[in-house]
Amino acid sequence: MQRIFIALFVGMASLFLTSAAWADIISISADVPIAFEFDDGGSADSVSGYKIGLAIPGIIVGIGYEDYLVTQKNSGADDTEINFKIIDIFLNLPLPIVNIALGYGAGSASINDVTGTNTTDGDFEFTFSDATITQYFISLGIPFGLLFDIHVGYHVLDGESDVKLVTDNSGTSKDKVDLSGTMTSLGIKFGF
């Protein structure tokens, strides 16, 4: 019985001591967005940008910064470009088989003014105010060795912007535009 206990103890100790949880002193991650979908069902025509993160495993909590540009093409008008800038705080949960990160972020989104022409309104212009954005996210990574992983992230963003529409034929109207959506990202993490 004592041999079984010792074997289990040695096995568990070697499993945890060789995992990424104990291997690195500092880790840096970099992600790129690969897809963005709005909650109303529309998807972005393109998404670009980056997310960087810095974590110290002894503290477990990390910080990050995100900067994304989401573009939607409009017929008869300028493309809509939404620039998200978010600061994150996240919790790293490195396990021997998978690295998990759970996080929350807050920041802003700015939208370019959109101008165009159509037969109903004539010339028109949409003017947007900056929006406050919040998000939560999860990242799942596959460790390769002790100091490297490849991960996929899933972000849920929430926020809305005030919009003013000025047209030649209808005058001025005000409304809100929902910026809520989900984003998928792909990234790598290095430990030192």
C-alpha atoms as a PDB file:
ATOM      1  CA  MET A   1       0.000   0.000   0.000  1.00  0.00           C
ATOM      2  CA  GLN A   2       2.843   2.349   0.851  1.00  0.00           C
ATOM      3  CA  ARG A   3       4.448   1.728  -2.584  1.00  0.00           C
ATOM      4  CA  ILE A   4       1.197   2.625  -4.357  1.00  0.00           C
ATOM      5  CA  PHE A   5       0.939   5.852  -2.342  1.00  0.00           C
ATOM      6  CA  ILE A   6       4.560   6.769  -3.117  1.00  0.00           C
ATOM      7  CA  ALA A   7       4.078   5.967  -6.818  1.00  0.00           C
ATOM      8  CA  LEU A   8       0.931   8.124  -6.962  1.00  0.00           C
ATOM      9  CA  PHE A   9       2.683  10.957  -5.119  1.00  0.00           C
ATOM     10  CA  VAL A  10       5.735  10.867  -7.406  1.00  0.00           C
ATOM     11  CA  GLY A  11       3.501  10.629 -10.483  1.00  0.00           C
ATOM     12  CA  MET A  12       1.332  13.582  -9.439  1.00  0.00           C
ATOM     13  CA  ALA A  13       4.347  15.659  -8.418  1.00  0.00           C
ATOM     14  CA  SER A  14       6.098  15.048 -11.728  1.00  0.00           C
ATOM     15  CA  LEU A  15       2.888  15.834 -13.613  1.00  0.00           C
ATOM     16  CA  PHE A  16       2.424  19.185 -11.886  1.00  0.00           C
ATOM     17  CA  LEU A  17       6.080  20.176 -11.684  1.00  0.00           C
ATOM     18  CA  THR A  18       6.620  19.586 -15.408  1.00  0.00           C
ATOM     19  CA  SER A  19       3.505  21.464 -16.471  1.00  0.00           C
ATOM     20  CA  ALA A  20       3.579  24.983 -17.879  1.00  0.00           C
ATOM     21  CA  ALA A  21       2.104  26.205 -14.591  1.00  0.00           C
ATOM     22  CA  TRP A  22       5.522  26.004 -12.924  1.00  0.00           C
ATOM     23  CA  ALA A  23       7.862  26.345 -15.882  1.00  0.00           C
ATOM     24  CA  ASP A  24       7.883  30.031 -16.757  1.00  0.00           C
ATOM     25  CA  ILE A  25       8.499  33.144 -14.709  1.00  0.00           C
ATOM     26  CA  ILE A  26       6.809  35.465 -17.176  1.00  0.00           C
ATOM     27  CA  SER A  27       4.685  34.783 -20.237  1.00  0.00           C
ATOM     28  CA  ILE A  28       3.846  36.940 -23.221  1.00  0.00           C
ATOM     29  CA  SER A  29       0.967  36.172 -25.571  1.00  0.00           C
ATOM     30  CA  ALA A  30       0.028  37.601 -28.947  1.00  0.00           C
ATOM     31  CA  ASP A  31      -3.287  37.033 -30.724  1.00  0.00           C
ATOM     32  CA  VAL A  32      -4.880  38.076 -34.011  1.00  0.00           C
ATOM     33  CA  PRO A  33      -8.615  38.163 -34.713  1.00  0.00           C
ATOM     34  CA  ILE A  34      -9.910  35.729 -37.326  1.00  0.00           C
ATOM     35  CA  ALA A  35     -13.682  36.393 -37.292  1.00  0.00           C
ATOM     36  CA  PHE A  36     -16.172  38.924 -35.906  1.00  0.00           C
ATOM     37  CA  GLU A  37     -19.950  38.499 -35.816  1.00  0.00           C
ATOM     38  CA  PHE A  38     -22.460  41.091 -34.642  1.00  0.00           C
ATOM     39  CA  ASP A  39     -25.297  40.002 -32.361  1.00  0.00           C
ATOM     40  CA  ASP A  40     -27.830  41.099 -34.973  1.00  0.00           C
ATOM     41  CA  GLY A  41     -26.579  38.276 -37.221  1.00  0.00           C
ATOM     42  CA  GLY A  42     -24.305  40.266 -39.510  1.00  0.00           C
ATOM     43  CA  SER A  43     -20.657  39.398 -39.834  1.00  0.00           C
ATOM     44  CA  ALA A  44     -17.758  41.713 -40.521  1.00  0.00           C
ATOM     45  CA  ASP A  45     -16.298  41.756 -44.018  1.00  0.00           C
ATOM     46  CA  SER A  46     -12.840  41.983 -42.488  1.00  0.00           C
ATOM     47  CA  VAL A  47     -11.245  42.155 -39.067  1.00  0.00           C
ATOM     48  CA  SER A  48      -7.641  42.965 -38.287  1.00  0.00           C
ATOM     49  CA  GLY A  49      -5.581  43.953 -35.289  1.00  0.00           C
ATOM     50  CA  TYR A  50      -3.875  42.373 -32.325  1.00  0.00           C
ATOM     51  CA  LYS A  51      -4.054  41.457 -28.664  1.00  0.00           C
ATOM     52  CA  ILE A  52      -0.994  41.304 -26.437  1.00  0.00           C
ATOM     53  CA  GLY A  53      -0.880  39.940 -22.912  1.00  0.00           C
ATOM     54  CA  LEU A  54       1.624  39.743 -20.100  1.00  0.00           C
ATOM     55  CA  ALA A  55       1.319  37.343 -17.152  1.00  0.00           C
ATOM     56  CA  ILE A  56       3.465  36.409 -14.186  1.00  0.00           C
ATOM     57  CA  PRO A  57       2.415  32.894 -13.073  1.00  0.00           C
ATOM     58  CA  GLY A  58       3.240  33.483  -9.400  1.00  0.00           C
ATOM     59  CA  ILE A  59       0.629  36.248  -9.412  1.00  0.00           C
ATOM     60  CA  ILE A  60      -1.700  34.269 -11.748  1.00  0.00           C
ATOM     61  CA  VAL A  61      -3.367  37.474 -13.001  1.00  0.00           C
ATOM     62  CA  GLY A  62      -2.262  39.052 -16.277  1.00  0.00           C
ATOM     63  CA  ILE A  63      -2.939  42.261 -18.161  1.00  0.00           C
ATOM     64  CA  GLY A  64      -3.566  42.759 -21.847  1.00  0.00           C
ATOM     65  CA  TYR A  65      -4.280  45.319 -24.536  1.00  0.00           C
ATOM     66  CA  GLU A  66      -6.403  44.819 -27.654  1.00  0.00           C
ATOM     67  CA  ASP A  67      -6.710  46.966 -30.778  1.00  0.00           C
ATOM     68  CA  TYR A  68      -9.033  45.731 -33.551  1.00  0.00           C
ATOM     69  CA  LEU A  69     -10.419  47.231 -36.741  1.00  0.00           C
ATOM     70  CA  VAL A  70     -13.721  45.719 -37.902  1.00  0.00           C
ATOM     71  CA  THR A  71     -14.863  46.687 -41.411  1.00  0.00           C
ATOM     72  CA  GLN A  72     -18.304  46.309 -42.975  1.00  0.00           C
ATOM     73  CA  LYS A  73     -18.898  47.124 -46.612  1.00  0.00           C
ATOM     74  CA  ASN A  74     -21.968  49.250 -47.447  1.00  0.00           C
ATOM     75  CA  SER A  75     -23.612  49.501 -50.844  1.00  0.00           C
ATOM     76  CA  GLY A  76     -23.892  53.116 -51.990  1.00  0.00           C
ATOM     77  CA  ALA A  77     -21.905  54.437 -49.022  1.00  0.00           C
ATOM     78  CA  ASP A  78     -18.483  54.479 -47.380  1.00  0.00           C
ATOM     79  CA  ASP A  79     -17.343  51.342 -45.595  1.00  0.00           C
ATOM     80  CA  THR A  80     -18.065  51.321 -41.863  1.00  0.00           C
ATOM     81  CA  GLU A  81     -14.917  50.926 -39.775  1.00  0.00           C
ATOM     82  CA  ILE A  82     -15.145  50.254 -36.038  1.00  0.00           C
ATOM     83  CA  ASN A  83     -11.935  50.547 -34.033  1.00  0.00           C
ATOM     84  CA  PHE A  84     -12.012  48.677 -30.698  1.00  0.00           C
ATOM     85  CA  LYS A  85      -9.395  49.510 -28.033  1.00  0.00           C
ATOM     86  CA  ILE A  86      -9.688  47.390 -24.893  1.00  0.00           C
ATOM     87  CA  ILE A  87      -7.624  46.866 -21.733  1.00  0.00           C
ATOM     88  CA  ASP A  88      -7.933  43.400 -20.190  1.00  0.00           C
ATOM     89  CA  ILE A  89      -7.298  41.649 -16.930  1.00  0.00           C
ATOM     90  CA  PHE A  90      -7.193  37.875 -17.082  1.00  0.00           C
ATOM     91  CA  LEU A  91      -6.599  34.806 -14.980  1.00  0.00           C
ATOM     92  CA  ASN A  92      -4.250  32.112 -16.311  1.00  0.00           C
ATOM     93  CA  LEU A  93      -5.108  28.542 -15.369  1.00  0.00           C
ATOM     94  CA  PRO A  94      -2.305  26.458 -16.879  1.00  0.00           C
ATOM     95  CA  LEU A  95      -2.952  22.732 -16.655  1.00  0.00           C
ATOM     96  CA  PRO A  96      -0.729  19.922 -17.946  1.00  0.00           C
ATOM     97  CA  ILE A  97      -2.995  19.209 -20.929  1.00  0.00           C
ATOM     98  CA  VAL A  98      -4.561  22.589 -21.699  1.00  0.00           C
ATOM     99  CA  ASN A  99      -3.884  26.235 -20.806  1.00  0.00           C
ATOM    100  CA  ILE A 100      -7.009  28.197 -19.935  1.00  0.00           C
ATOM    101  CA  ALA A 101      -7.287  31.966 -19.603  1.00  0.00           C
ATOM    102  CA  LEU A 102     -10.445  33.727 -18.408  1.00  0.00           C
ATOM    103  CA  GLY A 103     -10.668  37.477 -18.719  1.00  0.00           C
ATOM    104  CA  TYR A 104     -12.609  40.714 -18.628  1.00  0.00           C
ATOM    105  CA  GLY A 105     -11.908  43.891 -20.546  1.00  0.00           C
ATOM    106  CA  ALA A 106     -13.170  47.440 -20.870  1.00  0.00           C
ATOM    107  CA  GLY A 107     -12.427  50.124 -23.408  1.00  0.00           C
ATOM    108  CA  SER A 108     -13.860  52.123 -26.254  1.00  0.00           C
ATOM    109  CA  ALA A 109     -14.968  51.825 -29.847  1.00  0.00           C
ATOM    110  CA  SER A 110     -14.876  54.603 -32.403  1.00  0.00           C
ATOM    111  CA  ILE A 111     -16.754  54.472 -35.694  1.00  0.00           C
ATOM    112  CA  ASN A 112     -15.889  56.491 -38.781  1.00  0.00           C
ATOM    113  CA  ASP A 113     -18.532  58.814 -40.233  1.00  0.00           C
ATOM    114  CA  VAL A 114     -20.333  57.236 -43.193  1.00  0.00           C
ATOM    115  CA  THR A 115     -21.566  59.228 -46.183  1.00  0.00           C
ATOM    116  CA  GLY A 116     -23.429  58.105 -49.278  1.00  0.00           C
ATOM    117  CA  THR A 117     -26.386  58.569 -51.612  1.00  0.00           C
ATOM    118  CA  ASN A 118     -29.595  56.638 -52.161  1.00  0.00           C
ATOM    119  CA  THR A 119     -32.879  57.299 -54.000  1.00  0.00           C
ATOM    120  CA  THR A 120     -35.019  57.689 -50.844  1.00  0.00           C
ATOM    121  CA  ASP A 121     -32.899  60.069 -48.773  1.00  0.00           C
ATOM    122  CA  GLY A 122     -30.606  61.659 -51.368  1.00  0.00           C
ATOM    123  CA  ASP A 123     -27.229  62.451 -49.843  1.00  0.00           C
ATOM    124  CA  PHE A 124     -26.862  61.247 -46.262  1.00  0.00           C
ATOM    125  CA  GLU A 125     -24.320  61.149 -43.470  1.00  0.00           C
ATOM    126  CA  PHE A 126     -24.160  58.982 -40.358  1.00  0.00           C
ATOM    127  CA  THR A 127     -22.212  60.475 -37.443  1.00  0.00           C
ATOM    128  CA  PHE A 128     -21.330  58.194 -34.511  1.00  0.00           C
ATOM    129  CA  SER A 129     -20.242  58.938 -30.957  1.00  0.00           C
ATOM    130  CA  ASP A 130     -17.523  56.880 -29.270  1.00  0.00           C
ATOM    131  CA  ALA A 131     -18.907  53.885 -27.390  1.00  0.00           C
ATOM    132  CA  THR A 132     -17.898  52.269 -24.117  1.00  0.00           C
ATOM    133  CA  ILE A 133     -17.163  48.589 -24.667  1.00  0.00           C
ATOM    134  CA  THR A 134     -16.961  45.747 -22.173  1.00  0.00           C
ATOM    135  CA  GLN A 135     -16.043  42.168 -22.884  1.00  0.00           C
ATOM    136  CA  TYR A 136     -15.333  38.825 -21.342  1.00  0.00           C
ATOM    137  CA  PHE A 137     -13.293  36.102 -22.985  1.00  0.00           C
ATOM    138  CA  ILE A 138     -11.907  32.611 -22.704  1.00  0.00           C
ATOM    139  CA  SER A 139      -8.766  31.237 -24.297  1.00  0.00           C
ATOM    140  CA  LEU A 140      -7.906  27.551 -24.648  1.00  0.00           C
ATOM    141  CA  GLY A 141      -4.330  26.631 -25.504  1.00  0.00           C
ATOM    142  CA  ILE A 142      -2.464  23.459 -26.296  1.00  0.00           C
ATOM    143  CA  PRO A 143       0.997  23.519 -24.662  1.00  0.00           C
ATOM    144  CA  PHE A 144       3.982  22.417 -26.732  1.00  0.00           C
ATOM    145  CA  GLY A 145       6.800  21.795 -24.315  1.00  0.00           C
ATOM    146  CA  LEU A 146       6.976  23.791 -21.134  1.00  0.00           C
ATOM    147  CA  LEU A 147       7.231  27.336 -22.465  1.00  0.00           C
ATOM    148  CA  PHE A 148       5.055  27.584 -25.586  1.00  0.00           C
ATOM    149  CA  ASP A 149       1.388  27.203 -26.510  1.00  0.00           C
ATOM    150  CA  ILE A 150      -0.985  27.801 -29.406  1.00  0.00           C
ATOM    151  CA  HIS A 151      -4.435  28.954 -28.375  1.00  0.00           C
ATOM    152  CA  VAL A 152      -7.844  29.972 -29.664  1.00  0.00           C
ATOM    153  CA  GLY A 153      -9.889  32.698 -27.998  1.00  0.00           C
ATOM    154  CA  TYR A 154     -13.587  33.482 -27.878  1.00  0.00           C
ATOM    155  CA  HIS A 155     -14.594  37.067 -26.959  1.00  0.00           C
ATOM    156  CA  VAL A 156     -18.078  38.385 -26.155  1.00  0.00           C
ATOM    157  CA  LEU A 157     -18.273  42.171 -26.578  1.00  0.00           C
ATOM    158  CA  ASP A 158     -21.043  44.537 -25.474  1.00  0.00           C
ATOM    159  CA  GLY A 159     -21.646  48.212 -26.187  1.00  0.00           C
ATOM    160  CA  GLU A 160     -23.631  50.725 -28.199  1.00  0.00           C
ATOM    161  CA  SER A 161     -23.023  54.045 -29.878  1.00  0.00           C
ATOM    162  CA  ASP A 162     -25.243  57.046 -30.440  1.00  0.00           C
ATOM    163  CA  VAL A 163     -25.755  57.725 -34.126  1.00  0.00           C
ATOM    164  CA  LYS A 164     -27.075  60.820 -35.889  1.00  0.00           C
ATOM    165  CA  LEU A 165     -28.413  60.560 -39.448  1.00  0.00           C
ATOM    166  CA  VAL A 166     -28.547  63.694 -41.577  1.00  0.00           C
ATOM    167  CA  THR A 167     -30.224  63.443 -44.995  1.00  0.00           C
ATOM    168  CA  ASP A 168     -31.115  65.870 -47.761  1.00  0.00           C
ATOM    169  CA  ASN A 169     -34.767  64.754 -47.895  1.00  0.00           C
ATOM    170  CA  SER A 170     -35.641  63.680 -44.321  1.00  0.00           C
ATOM    171  CA  GLY A 171     -33.656  66.013 -42.094  1.00  0.00           C
ATOM    172  CA  THR A 172     -31.982  64.775 -38.917  1.00  0.00           C
ATOM    173  CA  SER A 173     -32.738  61.761 -36.751  1.00  0.00           C
ATOM    174  CA  LYS A 174     -30.966  60.166 -33.788  1.00  0.00           C
ATOM    175  CA  ASP A 175     -30.765  56.536 -32.731  1.00  0.00           C
ATOM    176  CA  LYS A 176     -28.408  53.989 -31.184  1.00  0.00           C
ATOM    177  CA  VAL A 177     -26.365  51.327 -32.961  1.00  0.00           C
ATOM    178  CA  ASP A 178     -25.577  48.066 -31.177  1.00  0.00           C
ATOM    179  CA  LEU A 179     -21.902  47.081 -31.339  1.00  0.00           C
ATOM    180  CA  SER A 180     -22.351  43.831 -29.387  1.00  0.00           C
ATOM    181  CA  GLY A 181     -20.890  40.735 -30.943  1.00  0.00           C
ATOM    182  CA  THR A 182     -18.490  37.837 -30.709  1.00  0.00           C
ATOM    183  CA  MET A 183     -14.956  37.505 -31.952  1.00  0.00           C
ATOM    184  CA  THR A 184     -12.703  34.504 -32.458  1.00  0.00           C
ATOM    185  CA  SER A 185      -8.929  34.870 -32.209  1.00  0.00           C
ATOM    186  CA  LEU A 186      -5.858  32.722 -32.706  1.00  0.00           C
ATOM    187  CA  GLY A 187      -2.604  33.233 -30.830  1.00  0.00           C
ATOM    188  CA  ILE A 188       0.632  31.994 -29.330  1.00  0.00           C
ATOM    189  CA  LYS A 189       2.158  32.287 -25.886  1.00  0.00           C
ATOM    190  CA  PHE A 190       5.846  32.171 -24.903  1.00  0.00           C
ATOM    191  CA  GLY A 191       7.192  31.719 -21.406  1.00  0.00           C
ATOM    192  CA  PHE A 192      10.556  32.886 -20.131  1.00  0.00           C
END
